[in-house]
Amino acid sequence: MDYTIALNDLRDGKIDEIKINPENFPAFQKAWALFAYQNAIRGVAHAHGQVTYVRAN
């Protein structure tokens, strides 16, 4: 998955969420670190290291 595209799609409302598990977090983190609109998205932590990213309202 291209997380840069997914983050932009989430910000633009094209998708509702991005689900990240511990196995794919390193790849996601690289895209997140370069994402200029971090304040437009928030992460919701779940059990077992899973995080769901959604648009911040």
N, C-alpha and C. Protein backbone atom coordinates (compact mmCIF):
# COMPACT_ATOMS: atom_id res chain seq x y z
N MET A 1 0.85 -1.18 0.00
CA MET A 1 0.00 0.00 0.00
C MET A 1 0.88 1.24 0.00
N ASP A 2 0.51 2.23 -0.78
CA ASP A 2 1.20 3.51 -0.78
C ASP A 2 0.54 4.39 0.29
N TYR A 3 1.21 4.55 1.42
CA TYR A 3 0.63 5.27 2.54
C TYR A 3 0.53 6.76 2.30
N THR A 4 1.38 7.31 1.44
CA THR A 4 1.27 8.73 1.11
C THR A 4 -0.05 8.99 0.40
N ILE A 5 -0.38 8.15 -0.54
CA ILE A 5 -1.66 8.28 -1.25
C ILE A 5 -2.81 8.06 -0.27
N ALA A 6 -2.70 7.05 0.57
CA ALA A 6 -3.76 6.76 1.54
C ALA A 6 -3.97 7.92 2.49
N LEU A 7 -2.91 8.55 2.97
CA LEU A 7 -3.04 9.70 3.87
C LEU A 7 -3.72 10.87 3.17
N ASN A 8 -3.34 11.12 1.93
CA ASN A 8 -3.99 12.20 1.18
C ASN A 8 -5.46 11.88 0.91
N ASP A 9 -5.76 10.62 0.58
CA ASP A 9 -7.14 10.22 0.35
C ASP A 9 -7.96 10.36 1.63
N LEU A 10 -7.36 10.04 2.75
CA LEU A 10 -8.06 10.20 4.04
C LEU A 10 -8.31 11.68 4.31
N ARG A 11 -7.33 12.50 4.13
CA ARG A 11 -7.49 13.94 4.35
C ARG A 11 -8.55 14.54 3.43
N ASP A 12 -8.60 14.06 2.19
CA ASP A 12 -9.54 14.59 1.20
C ASP A 12 -10.93 13.98 1.31
N GLY A 13 -11.12 13.01 2.20
CA GLY A 13 -12.42 12.39 2.39
C GLY A 13 -12.75 11.28 1.41
N LYS A 14 -11.78 10.83 0.64
CA LYS A 14 -12.01 9.75 -0.32
C LYS A 14 -12.13 8.40 0.37
N ILE A 15 -11.46 8.26 1.53
CA ILE A 15 -11.58 7.07 2.36
C ILE A 15 -11.88 7.51 3.79
N ASP A 16 -12.41 6.62 4.60
CA ASP A 16 -12.81 6.97 5.97
C ASP A 16 -11.76 6.67 7.01
N GLU A 17 -10.88 5.71 6.75
CA GLU A 17 -9.89 5.33 7.76
C GLU A 17 -8.75 4.56 7.13
N ILE A 18 -7.65 4.53 7.87
CA ILE A 18 -6.50 3.69 7.53
C ILE A 18 -6.22 2.86 8.77
N LYS A 19 -6.21 1.55 8.63
CA LYS A 19 -5.91 0.67 9.76
C LYS A 19 -4.47 0.19 9.64
N ILE A 20 -3.73 0.38 10.73
CA ILE A 20 -2.31 0.03 10.75
C ILE A 20 -2.09 -0.98 11.86
N ASN A 21 -1.35 -2.04 11.53
CA ASN A 21 -0.98 -3.01 12.56
C ASN A 21 0.54 -2.94 12.76
N PRO A 22 1.05 -3.57 13.80
CA PRO A 22 2.48 -3.46 14.09
C PRO A 22 3.39 -3.90 12.94
N GLU A 23 2.95 -4.83 12.14
CA GLU A 23 3.78 -5.32 11.03
C GLU A 23 3.98 -4.26 9.95
N ASN A 24 2.96 -3.45 9.68
CA ASN A 24 3.12 -2.46 8.61
C ASN A 24 3.37 -1.05 9.13
N PHE A 25 3.53 -0.89 10.44
CA PHE A 25 3.77 0.44 11.00
C PHE A 25 5.07 1.08 10.49
N PRO A 26 6.19 0.36 10.37
CA PRO A 26 7.41 1.02 9.88
C PRO A 26 7.23 1.68 8.50
N ALA A 27 6.54 1.02 7.60
CA ALA A 27 6.29 1.61 6.28
C ALA A 27 5.36 2.80 6.38
N PHE A 28 4.35 2.70 7.23
CA PHE A 28 3.44 3.82 7.42
C PHE A 28 4.17 5.00 8.04
N GLN A 29 5.03 4.75 9.01
CA GLN A 29 5.73 5.82 9.72
C GLN A 29 6.56 6.68 8.78
N LYS A 30 7.16 6.07 7.77
CA LYS A 30 7.95 6.83 6.79
C LYS A 30 7.08 7.84 6.06
N ALA A 31 5.89 7.42 5.64
CA ALA A 31 4.97 8.34 4.96
C ALA A 31 4.44 9.39 5.93
N TRP A 32 4.13 8.97 7.16
CA TRP A 32 3.58 9.89 8.16
C TRP A 32 4.58 11.01 8.49
N ALA A 33 5.85 10.66 8.60
CA ALA A 33 6.87 11.64 8.95
C ALA A 33 6.99 12.74 7.90
N LEU A 34 6.69 12.43 6.65
CA LEU A 34 6.77 13.40 5.56
C LEU A 34 5.43 14.07 5.24
N PHE A 35 4.37 13.65 5.91
CA PHE A 35 3.02 14.14 5.61
C PHE A 35 2.83 15.52 6.24
N ALA A 36 2.58 16.51 5.42
CA ALA A 36 2.50 17.91 5.88
C ALA A 36 1.21 18.25 6.63
N TYR A 37 0.21 17.39 6.56
CA TYR A 37 -1.10 17.72 7.14
C TYR A 37 -1.43 16.80 8.33
N GLN A 38 -0.46 16.53 9.18
CA GLN A 38 -0.68 15.64 10.30
C GLN A 38 -1.79 16.12 11.22
N ASN A 39 -1.98 17.43 11.32
CA ASN A 39 -3.03 17.95 12.20
C ASN A 39 -4.43 17.68 11.66
N ALA A 40 -4.55 17.23 10.42
CA ALA A 40 -5.85 16.93 9.82
C ALA A 40 -6.28 15.49 10.10
N ILE A 41 -5.39 14.70 10.69
CA ILE A 41 -5.64 13.28 10.90
C ILE A 41 -5.29 12.93 12.34
N ARG A 42 -6.07 12.03 12.92
CA ARG A 42 -5.74 11.58 14.28
C ARG A 42 -5.74 10.06 14.31
N GLY A 43 -4.93 9.54 15.21
CA GLY A 43 -4.83 8.10 15.38
C GLY A 43 -5.58 7.66 16.62
N VAL A 44 -6.28 6.55 16.51
CA VAL A 44 -7.01 5.95 17.63
C VAL A 44 -6.37 4.60 17.90
N ALA A 45 -5.77 4.47 19.08
CA ALA A 45 -5.06 3.24 19.44
C ALA A 45 -6.04 2.16 19.88
N HIS A 46 -5.72 0.93 19.51
CA HIS A 46 -6.51 -0.24 19.90
C HIS A 46 -5.58 -1.28 20.53
N ALA A 47 -6.14 -2.35 20.97
CA ALA A 47 -5.36 -3.43 21.58
C ALA A 47 -4.41 -4.06 20.56
N HIS A 48 -3.35 -4.64 21.04
CA HIS A 48 -2.39 -5.40 20.24
C HIS A 48 -1.64 -4.54 19.24
N GLY A 49 -1.46 -3.25 19.55
CA GLY A 49 -0.66 -2.38 18.71
C GLY A 49 -1.31 -1.88 17.44
N GLN A 50 -2.60 -2.07 17.32
CA GLN A 50 -3.29 -1.60 16.12
C GLN A 50 -3.74 -0.14 16.31
N VAL A 51 -3.65 0.63 15.24
CA VAL A 51 -4.04 2.04 15.27
C VAL A 51 -4.91 2.29 14.04
N THR A 52 -6.00 3.01 14.24
CA THR A 52 -6.85 3.43 13.14
C THR A 52 -6.71 4.93 12.99
N TYR A 53 -6.38 5.38 11.79
CA TYR A 53 -6.24 6.81 11.52
C TYR A 53 -7.50 7.28 10.81
N VAL A 54 -8.05 8.41 11.32
CA VAL A 54 -9.27 8.99 10.79
C VAL A 54 -9.07 10.49 10.64
N ARG A 55 -9.96 11.14 9.90
CA ARG A 55 -9.91 12.59 9.77
C ARG A 55 -10.22 13.23 11.11
N ALA A 56 -9.46 14.24 11.46
CA ALA A 56 -9.75 15.01 12.68
C ALA A 56 -10.82 16.04 12.33
N ASN A 57 -11.75 16.21 13.23
CA ASN A 57 -12.84 17.18 12.97
C ASN A 57 -12.64 18.42 13.78
